[in-house]
Amino acid sequence: MKVYKDVFTGDELCSDSYAELPPMDDPSLSEVAFEVATKRIVKGAEDYGIADNSEEDGGGVDSTSETVVDVVDAFRLQETPFSKKEFGTYIKGYMQRVKGHLEKNHPDRVDKFMSGAQALVKKILGQFDDFQFFLGESADCEAGVVFAYYKDGEEAPRLIYIRDGLKEEKY
């Protein structure tokens, strides 16, 4: 199994157990980013057959269950708010940090990253109000952001990751 980690913080953000899809159904963005479909799951409603004297109340399932998004929960992603202006400032700085990382480690990727990331950001800005933003577990604002949006009335969001802001680690 491969786990995708943020290149700046080492936060685990995703794994290859989720199928990679073209971001926002646009194959031209696949060079720079990928998308994963998520699911809503109920967490904490387990009933292992252990008596807890709640049968009088109508059952043994704990009432503290909650519905979560599987990837967000599994990788402990932290939602972070952005105004459009704040996002513009953040993403410019982030793209420069990734560019610097690529210049040191993968200079052949710099031009592809810059052109592809600009196209992705332009598309996100065009639908800005439809997006949520998540950071890794450390909630470090210098790290990469995971972009989330709901596609065609789906109940769980799609998450978009910038490839060059990730490193793969095999387990």
N, C-alpha and C. Protein backbone atom coordinates (compact mmCIF):
# COMPACT_ATOMS: atom_id res chain seq x y z
N MET A 1 0.84 -1.18 0.00
CA MET A 1 0.00 0.00 0.00
C MET A 1 0.89 1.24 0.00
N LYS A 2 0.46 2.26 -0.75
CA LYS A 2 1.16 3.55 -0.76
C LYS A 2 0.34 4.55 0.03
N VAL A 3 1.05 5.33 0.83
CA VAL A 3 0.43 6.44 1.55
C VAL A 3 1.01 7.72 0.97
N TYR A 4 0.14 8.68 0.70
CA TYR A 4 0.58 9.97 0.18
C TYR A 4 0.71 10.95 1.34
N LYS A 5 1.92 11.52 1.47
CA LYS A 5 2.21 12.45 2.56
C LYS A 5 2.54 13.82 2.00
N ASP A 6 2.23 14.84 2.78
CA ASP A 6 2.59 16.20 2.40
C ASP A 6 4.12 16.33 2.40
N VAL A 7 4.68 16.93 1.34
CA VAL A 7 6.15 17.02 1.23
C VAL A 7 6.75 17.96 2.27
N PHE A 8 5.96 18.87 2.83
CA PHE A 8 6.51 19.83 3.78
C PHE A 8 6.33 19.42 5.23
N THR A 9 5.24 18.74 5.56
CA THR A 9 4.97 18.39 6.96
C THR A 9 5.07 16.89 7.24
N GLY A 10 4.97 16.07 6.22
CA GLY A 10 4.93 14.62 6.43
C GLY A 10 3.56 14.12 6.85
N ASP A 11 2.56 15.00 6.93
CA ASP A 11 1.20 14.57 7.28
C ASP A 11 0.68 13.59 6.24
N GLU A 12 0.08 12.50 6.70
CA GLU A 12 -0.56 11.55 5.79
C GLU A 12 -1.88 12.15 5.33
N LEU A 13 -2.09 12.16 4.00
CA LEU A 13 -3.27 12.81 3.44
C LEU A 13 -4.20 11.87 2.70
N CYS A 14 -3.67 10.76 2.18
CA CYS A 14 -4.48 9.84 1.38
C CYS A 14 -3.67 8.57 1.16
N SER A 15 -4.28 7.58 0.53
CA SER A 15 -3.55 6.36 0.16
C SER A 15 -4.05 5.85 -1.18
N ASP A 16 -3.33 4.88 -1.71
CA ASP A 16 -3.72 4.33 -3.00
C ASP A 16 -4.89 3.35 -2.89
N SER A 17 -5.46 3.21 -1.71
CA SER A 17 -6.65 2.36 -1.58
C SER A 17 -7.90 3.09 -2.10
N TYR A 18 -7.74 4.36 -2.44
CA TYR A 18 -8.82 5.14 -3.05
C TYR A 18 -8.45 5.37 -4.51
N ALA A 19 -9.36 5.10 -5.41
CA ALA A 19 -9.09 5.22 -6.85
C ALA A 19 -8.84 6.67 -7.23
N GLU A 20 -7.80 6.88 -8.04
CA GLU A 20 -7.48 8.21 -8.55
C GLU A 20 -8.34 8.51 -9.77
N LEU A 21 -8.98 9.67 -9.76
CA LEU A 21 -9.84 10.11 -10.85
C LEU A 21 -9.33 11.45 -11.37
N PRO A 22 -9.69 11.83 -12.60
CA PRO A 22 -9.31 13.16 -13.11
C PRO A 22 -10.02 14.25 -12.29
N PRO A 23 -9.30 15.28 -11.87
CA PRO A 23 -9.92 16.35 -11.09
C PRO A 23 -11.05 17.04 -11.85
N MET A 24 -12.19 17.13 -11.23
CA MET A 24 -13.37 17.80 -11.79
C MET A 24 -13.67 17.31 -13.20
N ASP A 25 -13.46 16.01 -13.43
CA ASP A 25 -13.71 15.37 -14.73
C ASP A 25 -12.92 16.00 -15.87
N ASP A 26 -11.77 16.58 -15.56
CA ASP A 26 -10.94 17.24 -16.57
C ASP A 26 -9.60 16.50 -16.68
N PRO A 27 -9.47 15.58 -17.65
CA PRO A 27 -8.24 14.80 -17.80
C PRO A 27 -6.99 15.66 -18.00
N SER A 28 -7.15 16.89 -18.51
CA SER A 28 -5.97 17.74 -18.71
C SER A 28 -5.33 18.15 -17.39
N LEU A 29 -6.06 18.02 -16.28
CA LEU A 29 -5.51 18.36 -14.97
C LEU A 29 -4.86 17.17 -14.27
N SER A 30 -4.97 15.98 -14.86
CA SER A 30 -4.45 14.76 -14.22
C SER A 30 -2.93 14.76 -14.07
N GLU A 31 -2.24 15.53 -14.87
CA GLU A 31 -0.78 15.63 -14.77
C GLU A 31 -0.36 16.28 -13.45
N VAL A 32 -1.19 17.19 -12.96
CA VAL A 32 -0.82 17.96 -11.78
C VAL A 32 -1.61 17.59 -10.52
N ALA A 33 -2.76 16.93 -10.68
CA ALA A 33 -3.60 16.63 -9.52
C ALA A 33 -4.41 15.36 -9.76
N PHE A 34 -4.97 14.84 -8.67
CA PHE A 34 -5.91 13.73 -8.79
C PHE A 34 -7.03 13.94 -7.79
N GLU A 35 -8.12 13.23 -8.03
CA GLU A 35 -9.33 13.35 -7.21
C GLU A 35 -9.68 11.97 -6.68
N VAL A 36 -10.22 11.93 -5.47
CA VAL A 36 -10.76 10.68 -4.94
C VAL A 36 -12.21 10.91 -4.51
N ALA A 37 -13.03 9.90 -4.74
CA ALA A 37 -14.42 9.93 -4.27
C ALA A 37 -14.42 9.42 -2.83
N THR A 38 -15.19 10.07 -1.98
CA THR A 38 -15.27 9.66 -0.58
C THR A 38 -16.65 9.09 -0.30
N LYS A 39 -16.80 8.58 0.92
CA LYS A 39 -18.09 8.05 1.38
C LYS A 39 -18.37 8.58 2.77
N ARG A 40 -19.63 8.71 3.07
CA ARG A 40 -20.03 9.03 4.45
C ARG A 40 -20.22 7.69 5.17
N ILE A 41 -19.64 7.60 6.35
CA ILE A 41 -19.75 6.38 7.15
C ILE A 41 -20.21 6.76 8.56
N VAL A 42 -20.85 5.81 9.22
CA VAL A 42 -21.27 6.02 10.60
C VAL A 42 -20.17 5.46 11.49
N LYS A 43 -19.70 6.29 12.39
CA LYS A 43 -18.60 5.91 13.27
C LYS A 43 -19.11 5.93 14.72
N GLY A 44 -18.75 4.90 15.46
CA GLY A 44 -19.09 4.87 16.87
C GLY A 44 -20.41 4.20 17.19
N ALA A 45 -21.05 3.57 16.21
CA ALA A 45 -22.33 2.92 16.47
C ALA A 45 -22.17 1.41 16.63
N GLU A 46 -20.97 0.97 16.95
CA GLU A 46 -20.72 -0.46 17.04
C GLU A 46 -21.44 -1.06 18.25
N ASP A 47 -22.02 -2.23 18.04
CA ASP A 47 -22.66 -2.99 19.11
C ASP A 47 -22.05 -4.37 19.07
N TYR A 48 -21.18 -4.64 20.00
CA TYR A 48 -20.45 -5.90 19.99
C TYR A 48 -21.13 -6.98 20.83
N GLY A 49 -22.40 -6.78 21.15
CA GLY A 49 -23.14 -7.77 21.93
C GLY A 49 -22.83 -7.70 23.41
N ILE A 50 -22.21 -6.63 23.84
CA ILE A 50 -21.87 -6.47 25.25
C ILE A 50 -23.03 -5.77 25.93
N ALA A 51 -23.49 -6.36 27.00
CA ALA A 51 -24.63 -5.78 27.72
C ALA A 51 -24.22 -4.45 28.33
N ASP A 52 -25.05 -3.44 28.12
CA ASP A 52 -24.77 -2.14 28.74
C ASP A 52 -26.02 -1.57 29.42
N ASN A 53 -26.96 -2.47 29.69
CA ASN A 53 -28.21 -2.10 30.37
C ASN A 53 -29.02 -1.07 29.61
N SER A 54 -28.77 -0.94 28.32
CA SER A 54 -29.54 0.04 27.55
C SER A 54 -30.73 -0.61 26.86
N GLU A 55 -30.93 -1.91 27.07
CA GLU A 55 -32.05 -2.58 26.43
C GLU A 55 -33.37 -1.94 26.86
N GLU A 56 -33.39 -1.45 28.10
CA GLU A 56 -34.59 -0.78 28.58
C GLU A 56 -34.86 0.48 27.76
N ASP A 57 -33.79 1.08 27.24
CA ASP A 57 -33.92 2.32 26.47
C ASP A 57 -34.12 2.06 24.99
N GLY A 58 -34.21 0.81 24.59
CA GLY A 58 -34.50 0.52 23.20
C GLY A 58 -33.37 -0.06 22.40
N GLY A 59 -32.29 -0.49 23.02
CA GLY A 59 -31.24 -1.12 22.22
C GLY A 59 -29.88 -0.92 22.81
N GLY A 60 -28.93 -1.69 22.28
CA GLY A 60 -27.58 -1.67 22.79
C GLY A 60 -26.61 -0.84 21.98
N VAL A 61 -27.07 -0.12 20.98
CA VAL A 61 -26.15 0.68 20.17
C VAL A 61 -25.94 2.03 20.84
N ASP A 62 -24.70 2.42 20.97
CA ASP A 62 -24.32 3.68 21.59
C ASP A 62 -24.90 4.85 20.81
N SER A 63 -25.51 5.78 21.51
CA SER A 63 -26.13 6.92 20.84
C SER A 63 -25.12 8.00 20.48
N THR A 64 -23.85 7.75 20.73
CA THR A 64 -22.83 8.76 20.42
C THR A 64 -22.25 8.57 19.02
N SER A 65 -22.93 7.84 18.17
CA SER A 65 -22.41 7.64 16.82
C SER A 65 -22.49 8.94 16.03
N GLU A 66 -21.59 9.05 15.05
CA GLU A 66 -21.59 10.23 14.19
C GLU A 66 -21.30 9.81 12.76
N THR A 67 -21.76 10.60 11.82
CA THR A 67 -21.49 10.35 10.42
C THR A 67 -20.29 11.20 10.02
N VAL A 68 -19.29 10.54 9.41
CA VAL A 68 -18.06 11.22 9.01
C VAL A 68 -17.75 10.88 7.56
N VAL A 69 -16.87 11.65 6.95
CA VAL A 69 -16.36 11.36 5.62
C VAL A 69 -15.15 10.45 5.79
N ASP A 70 -15.16 9.29 5.14
CA ASP A 70 -14.15 8.26 5.39
C ASP A 70 -12.71 8.76 5.28
N VAL A 71 -12.34 9.42 4.19
CA VAL A 71 -10.95 9.86 4.00
C VAL A 71 -10.59 10.96 4.99
N VAL A 72 -11.49 11.89 5.20
CA VAL A 72 -11.24 12.99 6.15
C VAL A 72 -11.00 12.42 7.54
N ASP A 73 -11.79 11.44 7.94
CA ASP A 73 -11.65 10.82 9.25
C ASP A 73 -10.40 9.95 9.34
N ALA A 74 -10.17 9.11 8.34
CA ALA A 74 -9.04 8.17 8.38
C ALA A 74 -7.69 8.89 8.43
N PHE A 75 -7.60 10.03 7.75
CA PHE A 75 -6.32 10.75 7.69
C PHE A 75 -6.34 12.00 8.57
N ARG A 76 -7.36 12.13 9.40
CA ARG A 76 -7.48 13.20 10.38
C ARG A 76 -7.27 14.59 9.75
N LEU A 77 -7.92 14.79 8.61
CA LEU A 77 -7.83 16.09 7.93
C LEU A 77 -8.60 17.13 8.73
N GLN A 78 -8.07 18.35 8.74
CA GLN A 78 -8.65 19.44 9.51
C GLN A 78 -9.22 20.49 8.56
N GLU A 79 -10.52 20.75 8.67
CA GLU A 79 -11.11 21.77 7.80
C GLU A 79 -10.56 23.14 8.17
N THR A 80 -10.27 23.93 7.15
CA THR A 80 -9.77 25.29 7.36
C THR A 80 -10.54 26.25 6.46
N PRO A 81 -11.01 27.35 7.03
CA PRO A 81 -11.77 28.31 6.21
C PRO A 81 -10.84 29.25 5.44
N PHE A 82 -11.25 29.65 4.26
CA PHE A 82 -10.54 30.64 3.46
C PHE A 82 -11.56 31.57 2.84
N SER A 83 -11.27 32.87 2.87
CA SER A 83 -12.00 33.78 2.00
C SER A 83 -11.32 33.65 0.64
N LYS A 84 -11.93 34.16 -0.39
CA LYS A 84 -11.33 34.07 -1.73
C LYS A 84 -9.98 34.79 -1.76
N LYS A 85 -9.90 35.93 -1.09
CA LYS A 85 -8.65 36.69 -1.04
C LYS A 85 -7.57 35.92 -0.27
N GLU A 86 -7.94 35.36 0.88
CA GLU A 86 -6.98 34.58 1.68
C GLU A 86 -6.48 33.37 0.89
N PHE A 87 -7.40 32.72 0.18
CA PHE A 87 -7.01 31.56 -0.62
C PHE A 87 -6.02 31.98 -1.70
N GLY A 88 -6.28 33.09 -2.38
CA GLY A 88 -5.37 33.57 -3.42
C GLY A 88 -3.98 33.81 -2.88
N THR A 89 -3.88 34.44 -1.71
CA THR A 89 -2.58 34.68 -1.07
C THR A 89 -1.91 33.36 -0.70
N TYR A 90 -2.68 32.47 -0.07
CA TYR A 90 -2.13 31.17 0.34
C TYR A 90 -1.61 30.39 -0.86
N ILE A 91 -2.42 30.25 -1.90
CA ILE A 91 -2.07 29.35 -3.01
C ILE A 91 -0.86 29.87 -3.78
N LYS A 92 -0.70 31.19 -3.87
CA LYS A 92 0.50 31.74 -4.53
C LYS A 92 1.75 31.34 -3.76
N GLY A 93 1.71 31.47 -2.44
CA GLY A 93 2.85 31.07 -1.61
C GLY A 93 3.12 29.58 -1.68
N TYR A 94 2.05 28.80 -1.65
CA TYR A 94 2.20 27.34 -1.71
C TYR A 94 2.81 26.91 -3.04
N MET A 95 2.33 27.49 -4.13
CA MET A 95 2.87 27.12 -5.44
C MET A 95 4.36 27.46 -5.53
N GLN A 96 4.77 28.56 -4.92
CA GLN A 96 6.19 28.92 -4.92
C GLN A 96 7.00 27.93 -4.08
N ARG A 97 6.44 27.48 -2.95
CA ARG A 97 7.15 26.48 -2.13
C ARG A 97 7.29 25.16 -2.89
N VAL A 98 6.23 24.74 -3.56
CA VAL A 98 6.30 23.50 -4.35
C VAL A 98 7.29 23.67 -5.50
N LYS A 99 7.26 24.81 -6.15
CA LYS A 99 8.21 25.08 -7.24
C LYS A 99 9.65 24.96 -6.72
N GLY A 100 9.94 25.56 -5.56
CA GLY A 100 11.27 25.45 -4.96
C GLY A 100 11.65 24.01 -4.66
N HIS A 101 10.69 23.25 -4.14
CA HIS A 101 10.92 21.83 -3.85
C HIS A 101 11.24 21.07 -5.15
N LEU A 102 10.49 21.37 -6.20
CA LEU A 102 10.71 20.69 -7.48
C LEU A 102 12.05 21.09 -8.10
N GLU A 103 12.42 22.35 -7.99
CA GLU A 103 13.71 22.80 -8.55
C GLU A 103 14.87 22.03 -7.94
N LYS A 104 14.76 21.70 -6.64
CA LYS A 104 15.81 20.94 -5.96
C LYS A 104 15.75 19.45 -6.27
N ASN A 105 14.54 18.91 -6.35
CA ASN A 105 14.37 17.46 -6.42
C ASN A 105 13.94 16.90 -7.77
N HIS A 106 13.15 17.64 -8.52
CA HIS A 106 12.63 17.17 -9.81
C HIS A 106 12.53 18.34 -10.78
N PRO A 107 13.66 18.90 -11.21
CA PRO A 107 13.61 20.10 -12.06
C PRO A 107 12.82 19.91 -13.35
N ASP A 108 12.73 18.69 -13.83
CA ASP A 108 11.97 18.42 -15.06
C ASP A 108 10.46 18.61 -14.87
N ARG A 109 9.98 18.68 -13.63
CA ARG A 109 8.55 18.82 -13.35
C ARG A 109 8.10 20.27 -13.18
N VAL A 110 9.04 21.22 -13.07
CA VAL A 110 8.68 22.60 -12.72
C VAL A 110 7.69 23.21 -13.71
N ASP A 111 7.98 23.17 -14.99
CA ASP A 111 7.10 23.80 -15.98
C ASP A 111 5.73 23.13 -16.03
N LYS A 112 5.71 21.80 -15.97
CA LYS A 112 4.42 21.09 -15.98
C LYS A 112 3.60 21.43 -14.75
N PHE A 113 4.28 21.50 -13.61
CA PHE A 113 3.58 21.85 -12.38
C PHE A 113 3.00 23.25 -12.45
N MET A 114 3.82 24.22 -12.82
CA MET A 114 3.36 25.61 -12.82
C MET A 114 2.18 25.82 -13.76
N SER A 115 2.25 25.28 -14.96
CA SER A 115 1.14 25.49 -15.90
C SER A 115 -0.11 24.71 -15.46
N GLY A 116 0.07 23.49 -15.02
CA GLY A 116 -1.07 22.68 -14.59
C GLY A 116 -1.72 23.20 -13.33
N ALA A 117 -0.90 23.63 -12.36
CA ALA A 117 -1.43 24.14 -11.10
C ALA A 117 -2.19 25.44 -11.33
N GLN A 118 -1.69 26.28 -12.23
CA GLN A 118 -2.41 27.53 -12.53
C GLN A 118 -3.78 27.23 -13.14
N ALA A 119 -3.85 26.24 -14.01
CA ALA A 119 -5.14 25.86 -14.61
C ALA A 119 -6.09 25.32 -13.54
N LEU A 120 -5.57 24.51 -12.62
CA LEU A 120 -6.38 23.95 -11.54
C LEU A 120 -6.90 25.07 -10.63
N VAL A 121 -6.02 25.97 -10.24
CA VAL A 121 -6.41 27.06 -9.35
C VAL A 121 -7.46 27.95 -10.02
N LYS A 122 -7.28 28.22 -11.29
CA LYS A 122 -8.26 29.03 -12.02
C LYS A 122 -9.64 28.37 -11.98
N LYS A 123 -9.66 27.06 -12.15
CA LYS A 123 -10.93 26.33 -12.13
C LYS A 123 -11.55 26.36 -10.73
N ILE A 124 -10.72 26.21 -9.70
CA ILE A 124 -11.22 26.25 -8.32
C ILE A 124 -11.76 27.65 -8.00
N LEU A 125 -11.02 28.69 -8.39
CA LEU A 125 -11.48 30.06 -8.13
C LEU A 125 -12.80 30.35 -8.83
N GLY A 126 -13.01 29.75 -9.99
CA GLY A 126 -14.26 29.94 -10.72
C GLY A 126 -15.47 29.33 -10.02
N GLN A 127 -15.22 28.38 -9.13
CA GLN A 127 -16.29 27.72 -8.37
C GLN A 127 -16.03 27.81 -6.87
N PHE A 128 -15.34 28.86 -6.46
CA PHE A 128 -14.81 28.98 -5.10
C PHE A 128 -15.84 28.68 -4.02
N ASP A 129 -17.04 29.20 -4.16
CA ASP A 129 -18.06 29.02 -3.12
C ASP A 129 -18.51 27.58 -2.97
N ASP A 130 -18.18 26.72 -3.91
CA ASP A 130 -18.55 25.31 -3.85
C ASP A 130 -17.49 24.45 -3.17
N PHE A 131 -16.38 25.06 -2.74
CA PHE A 131 -15.27 24.30 -2.19
C PHE A 131 -15.13 24.45 -0.68
N GLN A 132 -14.62 23.36 -0.07
CA GLN A 132 -14.16 23.35 1.31
C GLN A 132 -12.66 23.04 1.22
N PHE A 133 -11.93 23.38 2.29
CA PHE A 133 -10.49 23.19 2.27
C PHE A 133 -10.06 22.47 3.54
N PHE A 134 -9.11 21.54 3.38
CA PHE A 134 -8.63 20.74 4.49
C PHE A 134 -7.11 20.75 4.52
N LEU A 135 -6.57 20.77 5.75
CA LEU A 135 -5.14 20.61 5.98
C LEU A 135 -4.92 19.24 6.60
N GLY A 136 -3.66 18.81 6.63
CA GLY A 136 -3.32 17.56 7.29
C GLY A 136 -3.48 17.68 8.79
N GLU A 137 -3.17 16.60 9.48
CA GLU A 137 -3.38 16.52 10.92
C GLU A 137 -2.67 17.63 11.69
N SER A 138 -1.50 18.06 11.24
CA SER A 138 -0.76 19.10 11.96
C SER A 138 -1.40 20.48 11.82
N ALA A 139 -2.31 20.64 10.86
CA ALA A 139 -2.98 21.92 10.58
C ALA A 139 -1.96 23.03 10.32
N ASP A 140 -0.84 22.68 9.72
CA ASP A 140 0.23 23.63 9.40
C ASP A 140 -0.15 24.39 8.13
N CYS A 141 -0.24 25.69 8.23
CA CYS A 141 -0.67 26.51 7.09
C CYS A 141 0.39 26.61 5.99
N GLU A 142 1.58 26.12 6.23
CA GLU A 142 2.61 26.08 5.19
C GLU A 142 2.46 24.83 4.32
N ALA A 143 1.63 23.93 4.75
CA ALA A 143 1.45 22.65 4.05
C ALA A 143 0.47 22.79 2.90
N GLY A 144 0.30 21.69 2.19
CA GLY A 144 -0.66 21.66 1.10
C GLY A 144 -2.08 21.56 1.60
N VAL A 145 -2.99 22.09 0.82
CA VAL A 145 -4.42 22.02 1.13
C VAL A 145 -5.07 20.97 0.25
N VAL A 146 -6.00 20.24 0.83
CA VAL A 146 -6.82 19.30 0.08
C VAL A 146 -8.12 20.04 -0.24
N PHE A 147 -8.49 20.02 -1.50
CA PHE A 147 -9.67 20.74 -1.98
C PHE A 147 -10.85 19.78 -2.02
N ALA A 148 -12.00 20.19 -1.49
CA ALA A 148 -13.18 19.32 -1.46
C ALA A 148 -14.37 20.03 -2.11
N TYR A 149 -15.10 19.27 -2.92
CA TYR A 149 -16.33 19.79 -3.52
C TYR A 149 -17.31 18.63 -3.70
N TYR A 150 -18.59 18.97 -3.83
CA TYR A 150 -19.63 17.97 -4.03
C TYR A 150 -19.99 17.93 -5.50
N LYS A 151 -19.90 16.75 -6.09
CA LYS A 151 -20.18 16.58 -7.51
C LYS A 151 -21.63 16.13 -7.72
N ASP A 152 -22.35 16.83 -8.53
CA ASP A 152 -23.68 16.44 -8.99
C ASP A 152 -24.58 15.87 -7.90
N GLY A 153 -24.68 16.53 -6.77
CA GLY A 153 -25.58 16.11 -5.71
C GLY A 153 -25.14 14.91 -4.91
N GLU A 154 -23.88 14.49 -5.04
CA GLU A 154 -23.39 13.36 -4.24
C GLU A 154 -23.44 13.73 -2.76
N GLU A 155 -23.59 12.71 -1.91
CA GLU A 155 -23.71 12.94 -0.47
C GLU A 155 -22.37 13.17 0.21
N ALA A 156 -21.29 12.73 -0.41
CA ALA A 156 -19.96 12.90 0.16
C ALA A 156 -19.09 13.66 -0.84
N PRO A 157 -18.13 14.42 -0.34
CA PRO A 157 -17.33 15.25 -1.25
C PRO A 157 -16.30 14.45 -2.04
N ARG A 158 -15.85 15.06 -3.11
CA ARG A 158 -14.68 14.61 -3.85
C ARG A 158 -13.50 15.42 -3.31
N LEU A 159 -12.36 14.78 -3.13
CA LEU A 159 -11.16 15.46 -2.64
C LEU A 159 -10.13 15.55 -3.75
N ILE A 160 -9.52 16.71 -3.91
CA ILE A 160 -8.50 16.93 -4.94
C ILE A 160 -7.16 17.17 -4.26
N TYR A 161 -6.14 16.48 -4.74
CA TYR A 161 -4.78 16.57 -4.21
C TYR A 161 -3.83 17.02 -5.32
N ILE A 162 -2.91 17.91 -4.99
CA ILE A 162 -1.87 18.33 -5.94
C ILE A 162 -0.73 17.32 -5.85
N ARG A 163 -0.44 16.65 -6.95
CA ARG A 163 0.55 15.56 -6.98
C ARG A 163 1.94 15.98 -6.50
N ASP A 164 2.43 17.12 -6.99
CA ASP A 164 3.79 17.52 -6.67
C ASP A 164 3.96 18.01 -5.24
N GLY A 165 2.87 18.14 -4.51
CA GLY A 165 2.92 18.48 -3.10
C GLY A 165 2.87 17.25 -2.21
N LEU A 166 2.93 16.08 -2.83
CA LEU A 166 2.86 14.81 -2.11
C LEU A 166 4.11 13.98 -2.35
N LYS A 167 4.43 13.15 -1.37
CA LYS A 167 5.44 12.12 -1.57
C LYS A 167 4.80 10.79 -1.23
N GLU A 168 5.19 9.77 -1.98
CA GLU A 168 4.64 8.43 -1.75
C GLU A 168 5.52 7.67 -0.77
N GLU A 169 4.89 6.96 0.13
CA GLU A 169 5.62 6.09 1.03
C GLU A 169 4.96 4.72 0.97
N LYS A 170 5.75 3.70 0.68
CA LYS A 170 5.20 2.34 0.58
C LYS A 170 5.26 1.66 1.94
N TYR A 171 4.18 0.93 2.24
CA TYR A 171 4.12 0.16 3.50
C TYR A 171 3.98 -1.30 3.17
